[in-house]
PDB file of N, CA and C in Angstrom:
ATOM      1  N   MET A   1     -86.619  39.925  -5.366  1.00  0.00           N
ATOM      2  CA  MET A   1     -86.998  41.103  -4.601  1.00  0.00           C
ATOM      3  C   MET A   1     -86.908  40.827  -3.099  1.00  0.00           C
ATOM      4  N   THR A   2     -87.400  39.676  -2.685  1.00  0.00           N
ATOM      5  CA  THR A   2     -87.408  39.374  -1.262  1.00  0.00           C
ATOM      6  C   THR A   2     -85.985  39.185  -0.737  1.00  0.00           C
ATOM      7  N   ARG A   3     -85.143  38.505  -1.534  1.00  0.00           N
ATOM      8  CA  ARG A   3     -83.757  38.301  -1.124  1.00  0.00           C
ATOM      9  C   ARG A   3     -83.046  39.640  -0.956  1.00  0.00           C
ATOM     10  N   ASP A   4     -83.253  40.544  -1.891  1.00  0.00           N
ATOM     11  CA  ASP A   4     -82.630  41.867  -1.797  1.00  0.00           C
ATOM     12  C   ASP A   4     -83.140  42.631  -0.579  1.00  0.00           C
ATOM     13  N   LYS A   5     -84.428  42.485  -0.312  1.00  0.00           N
ATOM     14  CA  LYS A   5     -85.015  43.172   0.839  1.00  0.00           C
ATOM     15  C   LYS A   5     -84.441  42.623   2.145  1.00  0.00           C
ATOM     16  N   ILE A   6     -84.291  41.303   2.231  1.00  0.00           N
ATOM     17  CA  ILE A   6     -83.715  40.690   3.433  1.00  0.00           C
ATOM     18  C   ILE A   6     -82.272  41.154   3.624  1.00  0.00           C
ATOM     19  N   GLU A   7     -81.499  41.176   2.542  1.00  0.00           N
ATOM     20  CA  GLU A   7     -80.108  41.619   2.639  1.00  0.00           C
ATOM     21  C   GLU A   7     -80.021  43.085   3.054  1.00  0.00           C
ATOM     22  N   TYR A   8     -80.883  43.912   2.501  1.00  0.00           N
ATOM     23  CA  TYR A   8     -80.861  45.339   2.824  1.00  0.00           C
ATOM     24  C   TYR A   8     -81.238  45.578   4.290  1.00  0.00           C
ATOM     25  N   ILE A   9     -82.310  44.953   4.735  1.00  0.00           N
ATOM     26  CA  ILE A   9     -82.763  45.167   6.117  1.00  0.00           C
ATOM     27  C   ILE A   9     -81.768  44.574   7.108  1.00  0.00           C
ATOM     28  N   SER A  10     -81.179  43.419   6.784  1.00  0.00           N
ATOM     29  CA  SER A  10     -80.194  42.845   7.706  1.00  0.00           C
ATOM     30  C   SER A  10     -78.949  43.721   7.793  1.00  0.00           C
ATOM     31  N   GLY A  11     -78.576  44.358   6.686  1.00  0.00           N
ATOM     32  CA  GLY A  11     -77.465  45.305   6.726  1.00  0.00           C
ATOM     33  C   GLY A  11     -77.766  46.494   7.624  1.00  0.00           C
ATOM     34  N   LEU A  12     -78.990  47.011   7.521  1.00  0.00           N
ATOM     35  CA  LEU A  12     -79.396  48.116   8.386  1.00  0.00           C
ATOM     36  C   LEU A  12     -79.438  47.685   9.850  1.00  0.00           C
ATOM     37  N   MET A  13     -79.878  46.447  10.093  1.00  0.00           N
ATOM     38  CA  MET A  13     -79.955  45.945  11.459  1.00  0.00           C
ATOM     39  C   MET A  13     -78.559  45.822  12.073  1.00  0.00           C
ATOM     40  N   TYR A  14     -77.604  45.299  11.320  1.00  0.00           N
ATOM     41  CA  TYR A  14     -76.247  45.169  11.845  1.00  0.00           C
ATOM     42  C   TYR A  14     -75.580  46.523  12.038  1.00  0.00           C
ATOM     43  N   GLU A  15     -75.907  47.483  11.175  1.00  0.00           N
ATOM     44  CA  GLU A  15     -75.384  48.839  11.358  1.00  0.00           C
ATOM     45  C   GLU A  15     -75.939  49.465  12.632  1.00  0.00           C
ATOM     46  N   ALA A  16     -77.245  49.279  12.869  1.00  0.00           N
ATOM     47  CA  ALA A  16     -77.853  49.805  14.091  1.00  0.00           C
ATOM     48  C   ALA A  16     -77.269  49.125  15.323  1.00  0.00           C
ATOM     49  N   GLU A  17     -76.979  47.827  15.230  1.00  0.00           N
ATOM     50  CA  GLU A  17     -76.370  47.117  16.352  1.00  0.00           C
ATOM     51  C   GLU A  17     -74.970  47.662  16.641  1.00  0.00           C
ATOM     52  N   HIS A  18     -74.226  47.962  15.587  1.00  0.00           N
ATOM     53  CA  HIS A  18     -72.882  48.528  15.741  1.00  0.00           C
ATOM     54  C   HIS A  18     -72.941  49.869  16.470  1.00  0.00           C
ATOM     55  N   TRP A  19     -73.822  50.751  16.036  1.00  0.00           N
ATOM     56  CA  TRP A  19     -73.938  52.067  16.664  1.00  0.00           C
ATOM     57  C   TRP A  19     -74.516  51.981  18.066  1.00  0.00           C
ATOM     58  N   ARG A  20     -75.355  50.968  18.309  1.00  0.00           N
ATOM     59  CA  ARG A  20     -75.897  50.759  19.655  1.00  0.00           C
ATOM     60  C   ARG A  20     -74.767  50.400  20.608  1.00  0.00           C
ATOM     61  N   LYS A  21     -73.848  49.549  20.157  1.00  0.00           N
ATOM     62  CA  LYS A  21     -72.703  49.182  21.000  1.00  0.00           C
ATOM     63  C   LYS A  21     -71.813  50.388  21.270  1.00  0.00           C
ATOM     64  N   ILE A  22     -71.589  51.203  20.243  1.00  0.00           N
ATOM     65  CA  ILE A  22     -70.776  52.406  20.432  1.00  0.00           C
ATOM     66  C   ILE A  22     -71.440  53.341  21.441  1.00  0.00           C
ATOM     67  N   GLY A  23     -72.744  53.530  21.327  1.00  0.00           N
ATOM     68  CA  GLY A  23     -73.458  54.388  22.267  1.00  0.00           C
ATOM     69  C   GLY A  23     -73.438  53.845  23.683  1.00  0.00           C
ATOM     70  N   GLY A  24     -73.572  52.534  23.825  1.00  0.00           N
ATOM     71  CA  GLY A  24     -73.560  51.933  25.164  1.00  0.00           C
ATOM     72  C   GLY A  24     -72.204  52.039  25.834  1.00  0.00           C
ATOM     73  N   TRP A  25     -71.150  51.679  25.107  1.00  0.00           N
ATOM     74  CA  TRP A  25     -69.810  51.769  25.690  1.00  0.00           C
ATOM     75  C   TRP A  25     -69.411  53.219  25.921  1.00  0.00           C
ATOM     76  N   GLY A  26     -69.773  54.108  24.999  1.00  0.00           N
ATOM     77  CA  GLY A  26     -69.474  55.525  25.189  1.00  0.00           C
ATOM     78  C   GLY A  26     -70.174  56.088  26.409  1.00  0.00           C
ATOM     79  N   SER A  27     -71.415  55.650  26.643  1.00  0.00           N
ATOM     80  CA  SER A  27     -72.146  56.102  27.828  1.00  0.00           C
ATOM     81  C   SER A  27     -71.447  55.659  29.103  1.00  0.00           C
ATOM     82  N   LEU A  28     -71.019  54.410  29.130  1.00  0.00           N
ATOM     83  CA  LEU A  28     -70.327  53.916  30.326  1.00  0.00           C
ATOM     84  C   LEU A  28     -69.012  54.651  30.566  1.00  0.00           C
ATOM     85  N   ILE A  29     -68.268  54.885  29.502  1.00  0.00           N
ATOM     86  CA  ILE A  29     -66.989  55.578  29.641  1.00  0.00           C
ATOM     87  C   ILE A  29     -67.197  57.018  30.087  1.00  0.00           C
ATOM     88  N   MET A  30     -68.172  57.704  29.496  1.00  0.00           N
ATOM     89  CA  MET A  30     -68.421  59.097  29.880  1.00  0.00           C
ATOM     90  C   MET A  30     -68.960  59.193  31.300  1.00  0.00           C
ATOM     91  N   LEU A  31     -69.794  58.232  31.700  1.00  0.00           N
ATOM     92  CA  LEU A  31     -70.296  58.235  33.073  1.00  0.00           C
ATOM     93  C   LEU A  31     -69.149  58.036  34.055  1.00  0.00           C
ATOM     94  N   ALA A  32     -68.248  57.108  33.748  1.00  0.00           N
ATOM     95  CA  ALA A  32     -67.090  56.892  34.621  1.00  0.00           C
ATOM     96  C   ALA A  32     -66.210  58.134  34.676  1.00  0.00           C
ATOM     97  N   ALA A  33     -65.972  58.751  33.528  1.00  0.00           N
ATOM     98  CA  ALA A  33     -65.139  59.967  33.496  1.00  0.00           C
ATOM     99  C   ALA A  33     -65.795  61.095  34.282  1.00  0.00           C
ATOM    100  N   LEU A  34     -67.096  61.225  34.144  1.00  0.00           N
ATOM    101  CA  LEU A  34     -67.811  62.278  34.867  1.00  0.00           C
ATOM    102  C   LEU A  34     -67.754  62.036  36.370  1.00  0.00           C
ATOM    103  N   LEU A  35     -67.948  60.795  36.795  1.00  0.00           N
ATOM    104  CA  LEU A  35     -67.893  60.483  38.218  1.00  0.00           C
ATOM    105  C   LEU A  35     -66.497  60.675  38.797  1.00  0.00           C
ATOM    106  N   VAL A  36     -65.474  60.285  38.049  1.00  0.00           N
ATOM    107  CA  VAL A  36     -64.098  60.490  38.518  1.00  0.00           C
ATOM    108  C   VAL A  36     -63.797  61.976  38.629  1.00  0.00           C
ATOM    109  N   ASP A  37     -64.202  62.753  37.647  1.00  0.00           N
ATOM    110  CA  ASP A  37     -63.958  64.196  37.704  1.00  0.00           C
ATOM    111  C   ASP A  37     -64.733  64.857  38.840  1.00  0.00           C
ATOM    112  N   LEU A  38     -65.937  64.396  39.094  1.00  0.00           N
ATOM    113  CA  LEU A  38     -66.706  64.951  40.210  1.00  0.00           C
ATOM    114  C   LEU A  38     -66.090  64.546  41.544  1.00  0.00           C
ATOM    115  N   TRP A  39     -65.597  63.324  41.630  1.00  0.00           N
ATOM    116  CA  TRP A  39     -65.020  62.839  42.878  1.00  0.00           C
ATOM    117  C   TRP A  39     -63.763  63.631  43.259  1.00  0.00           C
ATOM    118  N   PHE A  40     -62.931  63.911  42.275  1.00  0.00           N
ATOM    119  CA  PHE A  40     -61.698  64.642  42.554  1.00  0.00           C
ATOM    120  C   PHE A  40     -61.872  66.146  42.420  1.00  0.00           C
ATOM    121  N   ARG A  41     -63.071  66.600  42.121  1.00  0.00           N
ATOM    122  CA  ARG A  41     -63.423  68.018  42.060  1.00  0.00           C
ATOM    123  C   ARG A  41     -62.501  68.820  41.143  1.00  0.00           C
ATOM    124  N   ARG A  42     -62.274  68.273  39.961  1.00  0.00           N
ATOM    125  CA  ARG A  42     -61.432  68.971  38.994  1.00  0.00           C
ATOM    126  C   ARG A  42     -62.262  69.623  37.893  1.00  0.00           C
ATOM    127  N   LEU A  43     -63.543  69.634  38.041  1.00  0.00           N
ATOM    128  CA  LEU A  43     -64.410  70.160  36.989  1.00  0.00           C
ATOM    129  C   LEU A  43     -64.852  71.578  37.291  1.00  0.00           C
ATOM    130  N   GLY A  44     -64.783  72.391  36.267  1.00  0.00           N
ATOM    131  CA  GLY A  44     -65.412  73.687  36.346  1.00  0.00           C
ATOM    132  C   GLY A  44     -66.842  73.562  35.827  1.00  0.00           C
ATOM    133  N   ALA A  45     -67.601  74.627  35.864  1.00  0.00           N
ATOM    134  CA  ALA A  45     -68.992  74.575  35.422  1.00  0.00           C
ATOM    135  C   ALA A  45     -69.095  74.262  33.930  1.00  0.00           C
ATOM    136  N   GLY A  46     -68.222  74.851  33.139  1.00  0.00           N
ATOM    137  CA  GLY A  46     -68.249  74.603  31.695  1.00  0.00           C
ATOM    138  C   GLY A  46     -67.869  73.180  31.347  1.00  0.00           C
ATOM    139  N   SER A  47     -66.885  72.659  32.052  1.00  0.00           N
ATOM    140  CA  SER A  47     -66.448  71.294  31.794  1.00  0.00           C
ATOM    141  C   SER A  47     -67.520  70.291  32.213  1.00  0.00           C
ATOM    142  N   LEU A  48     -68.180  70.540  33.312  1.00  0.00           N
ATOM    143  CA  LEU A  48     -69.265  69.674  33.767  1.00  0.00           C
ATOM    144  C   LEU A  48     -70.403  69.661  32.760  1.00  0.00           C
ATOM    145  N   LEU A  49     -70.724  70.819  32.229  1.00  0.00           N
ATOM    146  CA  LEU A  49     -71.784  70.914  31.226  1.00  0.00           C
ATOM    147  C   LEU A  49     -71.395  70.173  29.951  1.00  0.00           C
ATOM    148  N   PHE A  50     -70.144  70.310  29.524  1.00  0.00           N
ATOM    149  CA  PHE A  50     -69.664  69.644  28.315  1.00  0.00           C
ATOM    150  C   PHE A  50     -69.690  68.125  28.476  1.00  0.00           C
ATOM    151  N   GLU A  51     -69.172  67.621  29.596  1.00  0.00           N
ATOM    152  CA  GLU A  51     -69.163  66.173  29.810  1.00  0.00           C
ATOM    153  C   GLU A  51     -70.583  65.622  29.958  1.00  0.00           C
ATOM    154  N   SER A  52     -71.462  66.368  30.583  1.00  0.00           N
ATOM    155  CA  SER A  52     -72.861  65.934  30.706  1.00  0.00           C
ATOM    156  C   SER A  52     -73.544  65.886  29.343  1.00  0.00           C
ATOM    157  N   ALA A  53     -73.230  66.854  28.487  1.00  0.00           N
ATOM    158  CA  ALA A  53     -73.806  66.857  27.137  1.00  0.00           C
ATOM    159  C   ALA A  53     -73.299  65.669  26.334  1.00  0.00           C
ATOM    160  N   LEU A  54     -72.012  65.325  26.462  1.00  0.00           N
ATOM    161  CA  LEU A  54     -71.481  64.149  25.784  1.00  0.00           C
ATOM    162  C   LEU A  54     -72.145  62.870  26.290  1.00  0.00           C
ATOM    163  N   LEU A  55     -72.327  62.775  27.593  1.00  0.00           N
ATOM    164  CA  LEU A  55     -73.000  61.616  28.169  1.00  0.00           C
ATOM    165  C   LEU A  55     -74.421  61.508  27.630  1.00  0.00           C
ATOM    166  N   GLY A  56     -75.138  62.613  27.565  1.00  0.00           N
ATOM    167  CA  GLY A  56     -76.491  62.609  27.020  1.00  0.00           C
ATOM    168  C   GLY A  56     -76.520  62.213  25.549  1.00  0.00           C
ATOM    169  N   GLY A  57     -75.538  62.660  24.790  1.00  0.00           N
ATOM    170  CA  GLY A  57     -75.461  62.280  23.380  1.00  0.00           C
ATOM    171  C   GLY A  57     -75.234  60.792  23.203  1.00  0.00           C
ATOM    172  N   PHE A  58     -74.353  60.217  24.007  1.00  0.00           N
ATOM    173  CA  PHE A  58     -74.111  58.778  23.923  1.00  0.00           C
ATOM    174  C   PHE A  58     -75.347  57.979  24.339  1.00  0.00           C
ATOM    175  N   ILE A  59     -76.060  58.453  25.350  1.00  0.00           N
ATOM    176  CA  ILE A  59     -77.286  57.762  25.782  1.00  0.00           C
ATOM    177  C   ILE A  59     -78.342  57.827  24.680  1.00  0.00           C
ATOM    178  N   CYS A  60     -78.471  58.972  24.027  1.00  0.00           N
ATOM    179  CA  CYS A  60     -79.423  59.100  22.914  1.00  0.00           C
ATOM    180  C   CYS A  60     -79.024  58.196  21.745  1.00  0.00           C
ATOM    181  N   CYS A  61     -77.727  58.104  21.457  1.00  0.00           N
ATOM    182  CA  CYS A  61     -77.239  57.232  20.395  1.00  0.00           C
ATOM    183  C   CYS A  61     -77.581  55.782  20.707  1.00  0.00           C
ATOM    184  N   TRP A  62     -77.356  55.368  21.942  1.00  0.00           N
ATOM    185  CA  TRP A  62     -77.671  54.003  22.343  1.00  0.00           C
ATOM    186  C   TRP A  62     -79.172  53.735  22.244  1.00  0.00           C
ATOM    187  N   GLY A  63     -79.979  54.649  22.766  1.00  0.00           N
ATOM    188  CA  GLY A  63     -81.425  54.441  22.786  1.00  0.00           C
ATOM    189  C   GLY A  63     -82.049  54.425  21.406  1.00  0.00           C
ATOM    190  N   SER A  64     -81.651  55.340  20.555  1.00  0.00           N
ATOM    191  CA  SER A  64     -82.262  55.392  19.222  1.00  0.00           C
ATOM    192  C   SER A  64     -81.852  54.186  18.388  1.00  0.00           C
ATOM    193  N   ASN A  65     -80.612  53.749  18.505  1.00  0.00           N
ATOM    194  CA  ASN A  65     -80.184  52.589  17.735  1.00  0.00           C
ATOM    195  C   ASN A  65     -80.693  51.284  18.320  1.00  0.00           C
ATOM    196  N   PHE A  66     -80.966  51.256  19.621  1.00  0.00           N
ATOM    197  CA  PHE A  66     -81.625  50.100  20.223  1.00  0.00           C
ATOM    198  C   PHE A  66     -83.017  49.939  19.613  1.00  0.00           C
ATOM    199  N   ASP A  67     -83.719  51.052  19.459  1.00  0.00           N
ATOM    200  CA  ASP A  67     -85.059  51.035  18.867  1.00  0.00           C
ATOM    201  C   ASP A  67     -84.998  50.653  17.389  1.00  0.00           C
ATOM    202  N   ARG A  68     -84.040  51.215  16.643  1.00  0.00           N
ATOM    203  CA  ARG A  68     -83.895  50.866  15.221  1.00  0.00           C
ATOM    204  C   ARG A  68     -83.602  49.383  15.048  1.00  0.00           C
ATOM    205  N   HIS A  69     -82.711  48.847  15.870  1.00  0.00           N
ATOM    206  CA  HIS A  69     -82.343  47.435  15.775  1.00  0.00           C
ATOM    207  C   HIS A  69     -83.566  46.551  16.023  1.00  0.00           C
ATOM    208  N   SER A  70     -84.355  46.881  17.028  1.00  0.00           N
ATOM    209  CA  SER A  70     -85.525  46.042  17.322  1.00  0.00           C
ATOM    210  C   SER A  70     -86.580  46.139  16.217  1.00  0.00           C
ATOM    211  N   LYS A  71     -86.738  47.307  15.593  1.00  0.00           N
ATOM    212  CA  LYS A  71     -87.686  47.437  14.484  1.00  0.00           C
ATOM    213  C   LYS A  71     -87.242  46.623  13.272  1.00  0.00           C
ATOM    214  N   PHE A  72     -85.948  46.688  12.938  1.00  0.00           N
ATOM    215  CA  PHE A  72     -85.449  45.906  11.809  1.00  0.00           C
ATOM    216  C   PHE A  72     -85.540  44.416  12.092  1.00  0.00           C
ATOM    217  N   LYS A  73     -85.296  44.020  13.331  1.00  0.00           N
ATOM    218  CA  LYS A  73     -85.380  42.606  13.706  1.00  0.00           C
ATOM    219  C   LYS A  73     -86.820  42.118  13.570  1.00  0.00           C
ATOM    220  N   LYS A  74     -87.793  42.917  14.004  1.00  0.00           N
ATOM    221  CA  LYS A  74     -89.203  42.546  13.859  1.00  0.00           C
ATOM    222  C   LYS A  74     -89.584  42.409  12.390  1.00  0.00           C
ATOM    223  N   GLU A  75     -89.107  43.337  11.571  1.00  0.00           N
ATOM    224  CA  GLU A  75     -89.425  43.288  10.146  1.00  0.00           C
ATOM    225  C   GLU A  75     -88.826  42.047   9.488  1.00  0.00           C
ATOM    226  N   LEU A  76     -87.584  41.713   9.841  1.00  0.00           N
ATOM    227  CA  LEU A  76     -86.967  40.502   9.303  1.00  0.00           C
ATOM    228  C   LEU A  76     -87.683  39.248   9.801  1.00  0.00           C
ATOM    229  N   ASP A  77     -88.105  39.243  11.056  1.00  0.00           N
ATOM    230  CA  ASP A  77     -88.859  38.104  11.581  1.00  0.00           C
ATOM    231  C   ASP A  77     -90.177  37.923  10.833  1.00  0.00           C
ATOM    232  N   ASN A  78     -90.869  39.029  10.544  1.00  0.00           N
ATOM    233  CA  ASN A  78     -92.137  38.937   9.800  1.00  0.00           C
ATOM    234  C   ASN A  78     -91.918  38.368   8.404  1.00  0.00           C
ATOM    235  N   ILE A  79     -90.878  38.833   7.717  1.00  0.00           N
ATOM    236  CA  ILE A  79     -90.589  38.331   6.370  1.00  0.00           C
ATOM    237  C   ILE A  79     -90.254  36.849   6.419  1.00  0.00           C
ATOM    238  N   CYS A  80     -89.416  36.453   7.368  1.00  0.00           N
ATOM    239  CA  CYS A  80     -89.005  35.052   7.451  1.00  0.00           C
ATOM    240  C   CYS A  80     -90.145  34.145   7.900  1.00  0.00           C
ATOM    241  N   PHE A  81     -91.050  34.645   8.748  1.00  0.00           N
ATOM    242  CA  PHE A  81     -92.221  33.850   9.118  1.00  0.00           C
ATOM    243  C   PHE A  81     -93.123  33.612   7.912  1.00  0.00           C
ATOM    244  N   LYS A  82     -93.262  34.641   7.058  1.00  0.00           N
ATOM    245  CA  LYS A  82     -94.079  34.481   5.860  1.00  0.00           C
ATOM    246  C   LYS A  82     -93.459  33.506   4.868  1.00  0.00           C
ATOM    247  N   LEU A  83     -92.134  33.573   4.707  1.00  0.00           N
ATOM    248  CA  LEU A  83     -91.467  32.728   3.718  1.00  0.00           C
ATOM    249  C   LEU A  83     -91.151  31.325   4.223  1.00  0.00           C
ATOM    250  N   PHE A  84     -90.631  31.222   5.445  1.00  0.00           N
ATOM    251  CA  PHE A  84     -90.092  29.959   5.930  1.00  0.00           C
ATOM    252  C   PHE A  84     -90.821  29.387   7.144  1.00  0.00           C
ATOM    253  N   GLY A  85     -91.647  30.170   7.787  1.00  0.00           N
ATOM    254  CA  GLY A  85     -92.335  29.711   8.987  1.00  0.00           C
ATOM    255  C   GLY A  85     -91.458  29.704  10.228  1.00  0.00           C
ATOM    256  N   LYS A  86     -90.329  30.401  10.168  1.00  0.00           N
ATOM    257  CA  LYS A  86     -89.395  30.482  11.300  1.00  0.00           C
ATOM    258  C   LYS A  86     -88.962  31.924  11.500  1.00  0.00           C
ATOM    259  N   ALA A  87     -88.344  32.166  12.653  1.00  0.00           N
ATOM    260  CA  ALA A  87     -87.793  33.491  12.931  1.00  0.00           C
ATOM    261  C   ALA A  87     -86.525  33.700  12.103  1.00  0.00           C
ATOM    262  N   TYR A  88     -86.066  34.918  12.046  1.00  0.00           N
ATOM    263  CA  TYR A  88     -84.881  35.261  11.253  1.00  0.00           C
ATOM    264  C   TYR A  88     -83.643  34.511  11.741  1.00  0.00           C
ATOM    265  N   ASP A  89     -83.474  34.424  13.059  1.00  0.00           N
ATOM    266  CA  ASP A  89     -82.298  33.746  13.606  1.00  0.00           C
ATOM    267  C   ASP A  89     -82.256  32.267  13.262  1.00  0.00           C
ATOM    268  N   SER A  90     -83.414  31.653  13.033  1.00  0.00           N
ATOM    269  CA  SER A  90     -83.484  30.221  12.738  1.00  0.00           C
ATOM    270  C   SER A  90     -83.478  29.914  11.250  1.00  0.00           C
ATOM    271  N   SER A  91     -83.532  30.897  10.409  1.00  0.00           N
ATOM    272  CA  SER A  91     -83.699  30.638   8.976  1.00  0.00           C
ATOM    273  C   SER A  91     -82.500  31.056   8.125  1.00  0.00           C
ATOM    274  N   PHE A  92     -81.304  31.021   8.691  1.00  0.00           N
ATOM    275  CA  PHE A  92     -80.114  31.386   7.915  1.00  0.00           C
ATOM    276  C   PHE A  92     -79.860  30.408   6.772  1.00  0.00           C
ATOM    277  N   LEU A  93     -80.089  29.129   7.003  1.00  0.00           N
ATOM    278  CA  LEU A  93     -79.854  28.136   5.942  1.00  0.00           C
ATOM    279  C   LEU A  93     -80.802  28.341   4.765  1.00  0.00           C
ATOM    280  N   GLU A  94     -82.057  28.624   5.058  1.00  0.00           N
ATOM    281  CA  GLU A  94     -83.033  28.858   3.993  1.00  0.00           C
ATOM    282  C   GLU A  94     -82.694  30.118   3.202  1.00  0.00           C
ATOM    283  N   ILE A  95     -82.225  31.138   3.895  1.00  0.00           N
ATOM    284  CA  ILE A  95     -81.837  32.377   3.214  1.00  0.00           C
ATOM    285  C   ILE A  95     -80.627  32.123   2.317  1.00  0.00           C
ATOM    286  N   ALA A  96     -79.662  31.337   2.818  1.00  0.00           N
ATOM    287  CA  ALA A  96     -78.486  31.004   2.005  1.00  0.00           C
ATOM    288  C   ALA A  96     -78.869  30.183   0.780  1.00  0.00           C
ATOM    289  N   GLU A  97     -79.815  29.268   0.936  1.00  0.00           N
ATOM    290  CA  GLU A  97     -80.283  28.489  -0.212  1.00  0.00           C
ATOM    291  C   GLU A  97     -81.009  29.364  -1.216  1.00  0.00           C
ATOM    292  N   MET A  98     -81.760  30.328  -0.724  1.00  0.00           N
ATOM    293  CA  MET A  98     -82.479  31.249  -1.596  1.00  0.00           C
ATOM    294  C   MET A  98     -81.473  32.122  -2.366  1.00  0.00           C
ATOM    295  N   CYS A  99     -80.353  32.455  -1.755  1.00  0.00           N
ATOM    296  CA  CYS A  99     -79.341  33.261  -2.426  1.00  0.00           C
ATOM    297  C   CYS A  99     -78.601  32.486  -3.500  1.00  0.00           C
ATOM    298  N   LYS A 100     -78.523  31.168  -3.359  1.00  0.00           N
ATOM    299  CA  LYS A 100     -77.838  30.346  -4.363  1.00  0.00           C
ATOM    300  C   LYS A 100     -78.624  30.258  -5.652  1.00  0.00           C
ATOM    301  N   LYS A 101     -79.940  30.357  -5.563  1.00  0.00           N
ATOM    302  CA  LYS A 101     -80.806  30.190  -6.748  1.00  0.00           C
ATOM    303  C   LYS A 101     -80.709  31.348  -7.677  1.00  0.00           C
TER     304      LYS A 101
END
């Protein structure tokens, strides 16, 4: 049960990390695009609103997945402290040994 729980939560943590990276890079790209469009004054009111909404969506994606990743990491750390007396990052060998059994 514990091995399955560790595998499930670590999968969720890596998925949240993946989406956090997408949100972070998307935010930077949209911010750059918005600033370039504002600098060259090629934006109409509708286009400015659309690009701002995309930027806000990417920021929300980054923020929510940053929070999810940290919650899953805390949960994995608690499980590994109970089982092995170490944090999740330090207990990969013990987890691999537990999976072999």
